Amino acid sequence: MIVALSVISAIQIPVAYILGKELESQWAGLFFSTLIMIPSWGFFEQLYPSHTMFSSLLAMSAVVCAIRYEKTGKKKYIYIESILFSLALHAHPTVIILIFLLIYLYAKSIRGYGFCVADFVVCALLFLVPFIPMLYYQATMGFPMSGSVSSYALG
């Protein structure tokens, strides 16, 4: 199990290369993939296997898809980006900061490819798919999370 998690997590190195290549050039891709191998504070915090180790992989993959949608206009990229961003957000909530970059890239691509409400609805539904089990649990239990969040915010 741990070997499988390590292999899946190691995929972030080629994804960092692809991200750098999409943003700038092959040298930027090489630079990004080299930087991702340097241990960071998050690396030392996450010494146990969990789903949070996939947040950077999923976040970088979502940005790659958003850049490719902006460059090509192929709708498959925006659909994949929606589900990847949702999974990244599900892995760790700090990924929410990427929403500004994704909105920027999407707004930039609207100029070139137009806006379709149906595509937006599909993206929103794909975004919600990973949250369905949590939403179902919250609905059946009377939304206990909203009560705890409001008591924390008001306390």
N, C-alpha and C. Protein backbone atom coordinates (compact mmCIF):
# COMPACT_ATOMS: atom_id res chain seq x y z
N MET A 1 0.83 -1.20 0.00
CA MET A 1 0.00 0.00 0.00
C MET A 1 0.88 1.26 0.00
N ILE A 2 1.89 1.29 0.85
CA ILE A 2 2.74 2.48 0.94
C ILE A 2 3.53 2.66 -0.35
N VAL A 3 3.95 1.56 -0.96
CA VAL A 3 4.68 1.67 -2.22
C VAL A 3 3.78 2.25 -3.30
N ALA A 4 2.52 1.82 -3.33
CA ALA A 4 1.57 2.35 -4.32
C ALA A 4 1.35 3.85 -4.09
N LEU A 5 1.21 4.28 -2.84
CA LEU A 5 1.05 5.70 -2.55
C LEU A 5 2.28 6.49 -2.96
N SER A 6 3.45 5.90 -2.74
CA SER A 6 4.70 6.58 -3.13
C SER A 6 4.81 6.73 -4.64
N VAL A 7 4.45 5.68 -5.36
CA VAL A 7 4.51 5.75 -6.82
C VAL A 7 3.53 6.79 -7.35
N ILE A 8 2.33 6.78 -6.82
CA ILE A 8 1.33 7.76 -7.26
C ILE A 8 1.78 9.17 -6.91
N SER A 9 2.34 9.34 -5.73
CA SER A 9 2.82 10.66 -5.32
C SER A 9 4.01 11.12 -6.16
N ALA A 10 4.84 10.18 -6.61
CA ALA A 10 6.01 10.53 -7.43
C ALA A 10 5.62 11.05 -8.80
N ILE A 11 4.39 10.82 -9.19
CA ILE A 11 3.93 11.33 -10.49
C ILE A 11 3.98 12.85 -10.53
N GLN A 12 4.02 13.50 -9.37
CA GLN A 12 4.05 14.96 -9.36
C GLN A 12 5.32 15.52 -9.99
N ILE A 13 6.39 14.74 -10.07
CA ILE A 13 7.63 15.23 -10.69
C ILE A 13 7.43 15.44 -12.19
N PRO A 14 6.92 14.45 -12.96
CA PRO A 14 6.67 14.75 -14.38
C PRO A 14 5.55 15.76 -14.58
N VAL A 15 4.58 15.80 -13.67
CA VAL A 15 3.51 16.81 -13.80
C VAL A 15 4.08 18.21 -13.59
N ALA A 16 5.03 18.36 -12.67
CA ALA A 16 5.69 19.66 -12.48
C ALA A 16 6.46 20.05 -13.73
N TYR A 17 7.09 19.08 -14.38
CA TYR A 17 7.79 19.35 -15.65
C TYR A 17 6.79 19.83 -16.71
N ILE A 18 5.67 19.14 -16.83
CA ILE A 18 4.66 19.52 -17.83
C ILE A 18 4.11 20.90 -17.53
N LEU A 19 3.88 21.21 -16.25
CA LEU A 19 3.37 22.52 -15.86
C LEU A 19 4.36 23.62 -16.24
N GLY A 20 5.63 23.43 -15.92
CA GLY A 20 6.64 24.42 -16.29
C GLY A 20 6.76 24.58 -17.79
N LYS A 21 6.67 23.47 -18.52
CA LYS A 21 6.74 23.51 -19.98
C LYS A 21 5.54 24.25 -20.57
N GLU A 22 4.35 24.02 -20.00
CA GLU A 22 3.15 24.71 -20.49
C GLU A 22 3.21 26.21 -20.17
N LEU A 23 3.77 26.55 -19.02
CA LEU A 23 3.85 27.95 -18.64
C LEU A 23 4.90 28.72 -19.42
N GLU A 24 6.08 28.10 -19.60
CA GLU A 24 7.20 28.84 -20.17
C GLU A 24 7.95 28.05 -21.23
N SER A 25 8.76 27.07 -20.80
CA SER A 25 9.61 26.34 -21.72
C SER A 25 10.05 25.03 -21.08
N GLN A 26 10.84 24.27 -21.82
CA GLN A 26 11.35 23.01 -21.28
C GLN A 26 12.29 23.26 -20.10
N TRP A 27 13.04 24.35 -20.15
CA TRP A 27 13.94 24.67 -19.04
C TRP A 27 13.15 24.99 -17.77
N ALA A 28 12.03 25.69 -17.93
CA ALA A 28 11.18 25.97 -16.78
C ALA A 28 10.59 24.68 -16.23
N GLY A 29 10.24 23.77 -17.12
CA GLY A 29 9.74 22.47 -16.69
C GLY A 29 10.77 21.70 -15.91
N LEU A 30 12.01 21.73 -16.39
CA LEU A 30 13.10 21.06 -15.68
C LEU A 30 13.33 21.72 -14.32
N PHE A 31 13.25 23.04 -14.27
CA PHE A 31 13.42 23.78 -13.02
C PHE A 31 12.31 23.42 -12.03
N PHE A 32 11.05 23.42 -12.50
CA PHE A 32 9.93 23.07 -11.63
C PHE A 32 10.05 21.65 -11.10
N SER A 33 10.39 20.71 -11.99
CA SER A 33 10.48 19.32 -11.55
C SER A 33 11.64 19.11 -10.59
N THR A 34 12.69 19.91 -10.72
CA THR A 34 13.80 19.82 -9.77
C THR A 34 13.39 20.41 -8.42
N LEU A 35 12.69 21.54 -8.45
CA LEU A 35 12.25 22.17 -7.19
C LEU A 35 11.27 21.29 -6.42
N ILE A 36 10.44 20.56 -7.14
CA ILE A 36 9.42 19.75 -6.45
C ILE A 36 10.07 18.60 -5.68
N MET A 37 11.30 18.25 -6.06
CA MET A 37 11.99 17.16 -5.36
C MET A 37 12.66 17.61 -4.07
N ILE A 38 12.81 18.91 -3.86
CA ILE A 38 13.42 19.42 -2.64
C ILE A 38 12.40 19.32 -1.51
N PRO A 39 12.75 18.66 -0.42
CA PRO A 39 11.79 18.53 0.68
C PRO A 39 11.41 19.90 1.26
N SER A 40 10.15 20.07 1.53
CA SER A 40 9.65 21.32 2.09
C SER A 40 9.08 21.04 3.48
N TRP A 41 8.58 22.08 4.09
CA TRP A 41 8.00 21.91 5.43
C TRP A 41 6.83 20.95 5.38
N GLY A 42 6.01 21.05 4.35
CA GLY A 42 4.89 20.12 4.21
C GLY A 42 5.35 18.69 4.08
N PHE A 43 6.49 18.48 3.45
CA PHE A 43 7.05 17.13 3.32
C PHE A 43 7.35 16.55 4.69
N PHE A 44 7.90 17.35 5.58
CA PHE A 44 8.23 16.85 6.92
C PHE A 44 7.00 16.71 7.80
N GLU A 45 5.96 17.48 7.53
CA GLU A 45 4.73 17.33 8.29
C GLU A 45 3.99 16.06 7.91
N GLN A 46 4.05 15.70 6.64
CA GLN A 46 3.28 14.57 6.13
C GLN A 46 4.14 13.32 6.05
N LEU A 47 4.58 12.82 7.18
CA LEU A 47 5.39 11.61 7.19
C LEU A 47 4.54 10.35 7.20
N TYR A 48 3.26 10.50 7.29
CA TYR A 48 2.36 9.36 7.26
C TYR A 48 1.56 9.39 5.96
N PRO A 49 1.21 8.23 5.44
CA PRO A 49 0.47 8.20 4.17
C PRO A 49 -0.99 8.61 4.37
N SER A 50 -1.40 9.59 3.62
CA SER A 50 -2.79 10.00 3.64
C SER A 50 -3.12 10.69 2.32
N HIS A 51 -4.36 11.06 2.18
CA HIS A 51 -4.78 11.68 0.92
C HIS A 51 -4.23 13.09 0.74
N THR A 52 -3.73 13.72 1.81
CA THR A 52 -3.19 15.07 1.66
C THR A 52 -1.92 15.10 0.82
N MET A 53 -1.25 13.97 0.71
CA MET A 53 -0.02 13.94 -0.10
C MET A 53 -0.32 14.09 -1.59
N PHE A 54 -1.58 13.98 -1.98
CA PHE A 54 -1.96 14.12 -3.38
C PHE A 54 -2.41 15.53 -3.74
N SER A 55 -2.49 16.43 -2.78
CA SER A 55 -3.03 17.76 -3.06
C SER A 55 -2.18 18.52 -4.07
N SER A 56 -0.86 18.47 -3.96
CA SER A 56 -0.02 19.20 -4.92
C SER A 56 -0.08 18.57 -6.30
N LEU A 57 -0.11 17.24 -6.37
CA LEU A 57 -0.24 16.56 -7.66
C LEU A 57 -1.53 16.94 -8.35
N LEU A 58 -2.63 16.90 -7.62
CA LEU A 58 -3.93 17.22 -8.21
C LEU A 58 -4.03 18.70 -8.55
N ALA A 59 -3.47 19.57 -7.72
CA ALA A 59 -3.51 21.00 -7.99
C ALA A 59 -2.72 21.35 -9.24
N MET A 60 -1.51 20.79 -9.36
CA MET A 60 -0.71 21.05 -10.57
C MET A 60 -1.39 20.50 -11.82
N SER A 61 -2.01 19.34 -11.70
CA SER A 61 -2.72 18.76 -12.84
C SER A 61 -3.90 19.62 -13.26
N ALA A 62 -4.60 20.19 -12.29
CA ALA A 62 -5.72 21.08 -12.60
C ALA A 62 -5.23 22.33 -13.34
N VAL A 63 -4.11 22.88 -12.92
CA VAL A 63 -3.57 24.07 -13.58
C VAL A 63 -3.11 23.73 -15.00
N VAL A 64 -2.49 22.56 -15.17
CA VAL A 64 -2.08 22.14 -16.52
C VAL A 64 -3.30 22.04 -17.43
N CYS A 65 -4.38 21.46 -16.94
CA CYS A 65 -5.61 21.35 -17.75
C CYS A 65 -6.19 22.72 -18.06
N ALA A 66 -6.17 23.64 -17.10
CA ALA A 66 -6.69 24.99 -17.34
C ALA A 66 -5.85 25.71 -18.39
N ILE A 67 -4.53 25.55 -18.34
CA ILE A 67 -3.66 26.18 -19.33
C ILE A 67 -3.91 25.59 -20.71
N ARG A 68 -4.06 24.27 -20.77
CA ARG A 68 -4.31 23.63 -22.06
C ARG A 68 -5.67 24.03 -22.62
N TYR A 69 -6.67 24.22 -21.76
CA TYR A 69 -7.97 24.71 -22.25
C TYR A 69 -7.82 26.12 -22.79
N GLU A 70 -7.06 26.93 -22.09
CA GLU A 70 -6.85 28.30 -22.54
C GLU A 70 -6.12 28.33 -23.88
N LYS A 71 -5.21 27.40 -24.11
CA LYS A 71 -4.45 27.36 -25.35
C LYS A 71 -5.21 26.72 -26.51
N THR A 72 -5.95 25.64 -26.22
CA THR A 72 -6.58 24.88 -27.31
C THR A 72 -8.08 25.08 -27.42
N GLY A 73 -8.75 25.35 -26.33
CA GLY A 73 -10.20 25.49 -26.36
C GLY A 73 -10.94 24.16 -26.34
N LYS A 74 -10.22 23.05 -26.15
CA LYS A 74 -10.87 21.74 -26.08
C LYS A 74 -11.57 21.59 -24.74
N LYS A 75 -12.86 21.29 -24.79
CA LYS A 75 -13.67 21.27 -23.58
C LYS A 75 -13.28 20.16 -22.62
N LYS A 76 -12.67 19.09 -23.11
CA LYS A 76 -12.29 18.01 -22.21
C LYS A 76 -11.34 18.51 -21.12
N TYR A 77 -10.52 19.50 -21.44
CA TYR A 77 -9.58 20.01 -20.45
C TYR A 77 -10.29 20.75 -19.32
N ILE A 78 -11.32 21.50 -19.63
CA ILE A 78 -12.02 22.24 -18.57
C ILE A 78 -12.84 21.28 -17.71
N TYR A 79 -13.34 20.21 -18.31
CA TYR A 79 -14.07 19.20 -17.53
C TYR A 79 -13.13 18.47 -16.58
N ILE A 80 -11.97 18.06 -17.11
CA ILE A 80 -10.99 17.36 -16.28
C ILE A 80 -10.46 18.29 -15.19
N GLU A 81 -10.26 19.55 -15.55
CA GLU A 81 -9.79 20.54 -14.57
C GLU A 81 -10.77 20.68 -13.41
N SER A 82 -12.05 20.66 -13.69
CA SER A 82 -13.07 20.80 -12.64
C SER A 82 -12.99 19.66 -11.64
N ILE A 83 -12.88 18.45 -12.14
CA ILE A 83 -12.82 17.31 -11.22
C ILE A 83 -11.49 17.26 -10.49
N LEU A 84 -10.39 17.61 -11.16
CA LEU A 84 -9.08 17.60 -10.50
C LEU A 84 -9.00 18.66 -9.40
N PHE A 85 -9.54 19.84 -9.67
CA PHE A 85 -9.52 20.89 -8.65
C PHE A 85 -10.38 20.49 -7.46
N SER A 86 -11.50 19.86 -7.73
CA SER A 86 -12.35 19.40 -6.64
C SER A 86 -11.65 18.35 -5.79
N LEU A 87 -10.96 17.42 -6.44
CA LEU A 87 -10.23 16.40 -5.70
C LEU A 87 -9.06 17.01 -4.91
N ALA A 88 -8.40 18.00 -5.51
CA ALA A 88 -7.32 18.69 -4.80
C ALA A 88 -7.86 19.42 -3.58
N LEU A 89 -8.97 20.07 -3.74
CA LEU A 89 -9.60 20.77 -2.62
C LEU A 89 -10.07 19.78 -1.56
N HIS A 90 -10.53 18.65 -1.99
CA HIS A 90 -10.94 17.60 -1.07
C HIS A 90 -9.74 17.04 -0.31
N ALA A 91 -8.58 16.97 -0.97
CA ALA A 91 -7.37 16.46 -0.32
C ALA A 91 -6.86 17.43 0.74
N HIS A 92 -6.89 18.72 0.43
CA HIS A 92 -6.48 19.71 1.43
C HIS A 92 -7.10 21.06 1.09
N PRO A 93 -7.77 21.70 2.03
CA PRO A 93 -8.51 22.94 1.74
C PRO A 93 -7.63 24.13 1.36
N THR A 94 -6.34 24.09 1.63
CA THR A 94 -5.48 25.23 1.28
C THR A 94 -5.33 25.42 -0.22
N VAL A 95 -5.75 24.43 -0.99
CA VAL A 95 -5.67 24.51 -2.45
C VAL A 95 -6.66 25.56 -2.99
N ILE A 96 -7.57 26.03 -2.15
CA ILE A 96 -8.58 27.00 -2.58
C ILE A 96 -7.95 28.25 -3.19
N ILE A 97 -6.73 28.57 -2.82
CA ILE A 97 -6.06 29.76 -3.34
C ILE A 97 -5.90 29.68 -4.85
N LEU A 98 -5.87 28.48 -5.41
CA LEU A 98 -5.74 28.32 -6.86
C LEU A 98 -6.97 28.79 -7.62
N ILE A 99 -8.06 28.99 -6.95
CA ILE A 99 -9.30 29.39 -7.62
C ILE A 99 -9.09 30.68 -8.41
N PHE A 100 -8.24 31.58 -7.90
CA PHE A 100 -8.01 32.84 -8.59
C PHE A 100 -7.27 32.63 -9.91
N LEU A 101 -6.28 31.77 -9.91
CA LEU A 101 -5.56 31.45 -11.14
C LEU A 101 -6.47 30.74 -12.14
N LEU A 102 -7.28 29.81 -11.66
CA LEU A 102 -8.18 29.07 -12.56
C LEU A 102 -9.25 29.98 -13.14
N ILE A 103 -9.77 30.88 -12.34
CA ILE A 103 -10.76 31.85 -12.84
C ILE A 103 -10.11 32.76 -13.88
N TYR A 104 -8.90 33.20 -13.61
CA TYR A 104 -8.18 34.04 -14.57
C TYR A 104 -7.99 33.32 -15.90
N LEU A 105 -7.52 32.08 -15.85
CA LEU A 105 -7.30 31.33 -17.09
C LEU A 105 -8.61 31.06 -17.82
N TYR A 106 -9.67 30.78 -17.07
CA TYR A 106 -10.97 30.56 -17.70
C TYR A 106 -11.50 31.84 -18.33
N ALA A 107 -11.36 32.96 -17.62
CA ALA A 107 -11.81 34.24 -18.17
C ALA A 107 -11.02 34.62 -19.41
N LYS A 108 -9.74 34.32 -19.39
CA LYS A 108 -8.89 34.60 -20.56
C LYS A 108 -9.33 33.74 -21.76
N SER A 109 -9.73 32.52 -21.50
CA SER A 109 -10.14 31.64 -22.60
C SER A 109 -11.54 31.98 -23.11
N ILE A 110 -12.36 32.61 -22.29
CA ILE A 110 -13.70 33.00 -22.74
C ILE A 110 -13.60 33.98 -23.90
N ARG A 111 -12.60 34.85 -23.84
CA ARG A 111 -12.39 35.80 -24.93
C ARG A 111 -12.20 35.09 -26.27
N GLY A 112 -11.44 34.02 -26.25
CA GLY A 112 -11.13 33.33 -27.50
C GLY A 112 -12.16 32.29 -27.92
N TYR A 113 -12.82 31.65 -26.95
CA TYR A 113 -13.68 30.52 -27.28
C TYR A 113 -15.14 30.73 -26.90
N GLY A 114 -15.46 31.82 -26.23
CA GLY A 114 -16.84 32.09 -25.87
C GLY A 114 -17.24 31.42 -24.57
N PHE A 115 -18.45 31.69 -24.14
CA PHE A 115 -18.97 31.18 -22.88
C PHE A 115 -20.23 30.38 -23.16
N CYS A 116 -20.29 29.20 -22.61
CA CYS A 116 -21.46 28.34 -22.78
C CYS A 116 -21.97 27.96 -21.39
N VAL A 117 -23.23 28.25 -21.13
CA VAL A 117 -23.82 27.96 -19.83
C VAL A 117 -23.83 26.45 -19.56
N ALA A 118 -24.06 25.66 -20.60
CA ALA A 118 -24.09 24.21 -20.43
C ALA A 118 -22.73 23.69 -19.96
N ASP A 119 -21.66 24.22 -20.50
CA ASP A 119 -20.32 23.81 -20.06
C ASP A 119 -20.09 24.19 -18.60
N PHE A 120 -20.55 25.36 -18.22
CA PHE A 120 -20.41 25.80 -16.83
C PHE A 120 -21.17 24.86 -15.89
N VAL A 121 -22.37 24.45 -16.28
CA VAL A 121 -23.17 23.54 -15.46
C VAL A 121 -22.48 22.18 -15.34
N VAL A 122 -21.95 21.67 -16.45
CA VAL A 122 -21.23 20.39 -16.41
C VAL A 122 -20.02 20.50 -15.49
N CYS A 123 -19.28 21.59 -15.60
CA CYS A 123 -18.11 21.79 -14.73
C CYS A 123 -18.53 21.85 -13.25
N ALA A 124 -19.61 22.55 -12.96
CA ALA A 124 -20.08 22.64 -11.58
C ALA A 124 -20.51 21.28 -11.05
N LEU A 125 -21.18 20.49 -11.87
CA LEU A 125 -21.58 19.15 -11.44
C LEU A 125 -20.38 18.24 -11.23
N LEU A 126 -19.40 18.32 -12.13
CA LEU A 126 -18.19 17.52 -11.96
C LEU A 126 -17.43 17.95 -10.71
N PHE A 127 -17.44 19.24 -10.41
CA PHE A 127 -16.79 19.74 -9.21
C PHE A 127 -17.44 19.16 -7.95
N LEU A 128 -18.75 18.98 -7.98
CA LEU A 128 -19.48 18.52 -6.79
C LEU A 128 -19.41 17.01 -6.57
N VAL A 129 -19.02 16.24 -7.58
CA VAL A 129 -19.04 14.78 -7.47
C VAL A 129 -18.27 14.26 -6.26
N PRO A 130 -17.04 14.69 -5.98
CA PRO A 130 -16.34 14.15 -4.81
C PRO A 130 -16.97 14.53 -3.46
N PHE A 131 -17.80 15.54 -3.46
CA PHE A 131 -18.41 16.00 -2.22
C PHE A 131 -19.78 15.37 -1.96
N ILE A 132 -20.26 14.55 -2.86
CA ILE A 132 -21.59 13.93 -2.70
C ILE A 132 -21.68 13.09 -1.43
N PRO A 133 -20.71 12.22 -1.12
CA PRO A 133 -20.84 11.46 0.14
C PRO A 133 -20.92 12.34 1.38
N MET A 134 -20.11 13.40 1.43
CA MET A 134 -20.15 14.30 2.58
C MET A 134 -21.49 15.04 2.65
N LEU A 135 -21.96 15.53 1.50
CA LEU A 135 -23.24 16.24 1.49
C LEU A 135 -24.39 15.32 1.89
N TYR A 136 -24.34 14.08 1.44
CA TYR A 136 -25.37 13.11 1.83
C TYR A 136 -25.35 12.87 3.34
N TYR A 137 -24.16 12.67 3.89
CA TYR A 137 -24.04 12.44 5.33
C TYR A 137 -24.53 13.66 6.10
N GLN A 138 -24.13 14.83 5.67
CA GLN A 138 -24.57 16.05 6.36
C GLN A 138 -26.09 16.20 6.30
N ALA A 139 -26.69 15.89 5.15
CA ALA A 139 -28.14 16.02 5.01
C ALA A 139 -28.88 15.02 5.90
N THR A 140 -28.38 13.79 5.99
CA THR A 140 -29.06 12.80 6.81
C THR A 140 -28.89 13.05 8.30
N MET A 141 -27.82 13.74 8.69
CA MET A 141 -27.56 14.00 10.10
C MET A 141 -28.02 15.39 10.55
N GLY A 142 -28.65 16.15 9.67
CA GLY A 142 -29.14 17.48 10.02
C GLY A 142 -28.10 18.57 9.93
N PHE A 143 -27.12 18.41 9.07
CA PHE A 143 -26.05 19.38 8.81
C PHE A 143 -25.31 19.79 10.08
N PRO A 144 -24.69 18.83 10.80
CA PRO A 144 -23.94 19.17 12.01
C PRO A 144 -22.72 20.04 11.74
N MET A 145 -22.15 19.95 10.54
CA MET A 145 -20.97 20.75 10.24
C MET A 145 -21.29 22.24 10.23
N SER A 146 -22.45 22.60 9.72
CA SER A 146 -22.80 24.03 9.68
C SER A 146 -22.97 24.59 11.09
N GLY A 147 -23.48 23.80 12.01
CA GLY A 147 -23.61 24.24 13.38
C GLY A 147 -22.27 24.43 14.06
N SER A 148 -21.34 23.51 13.82
CA SER A 148 -20.02 23.65 14.44
C SER A 148 -19.22 24.80 13.82
N VAL A 149 -19.40 25.02 12.53
CA VAL A 149 -18.70 26.14 11.89
C VAL A 149 -19.24 27.47 12.40
N SER A 150 -20.56 27.57 12.53
CA SER A 150 -21.13 28.83 13.01
C SER A 150 -20.77 29.08 14.47
N SER A 151 -20.72 28.05 15.29
CA SER A 151 -20.33 28.25 16.70
C SER A 151 -18.86 28.65 16.80
N TYR A 152 -18.03 28.10 15.92
CA TYR A 152 -16.61 28.47 15.91
C TYR A 152 -16.45 29.92 15.45
N ALA A 153 -17.20 30.29 14.40
CA ALA A 153 -17.07 31.64 13.84
C ALA A 153 -17.61 32.70 14.80
N LEU A 154 -18.66 32.37 15.54
CA LEU A 154 -19.27 33.33 16.44
C LEU A 154 -18.64 33.34 17.84
N GLY A 155 -17.81 32.32 18.12
CA GLY A 155 -17.25 32.16 19.47
C GLY A 155 -16.10 33.03 19.77
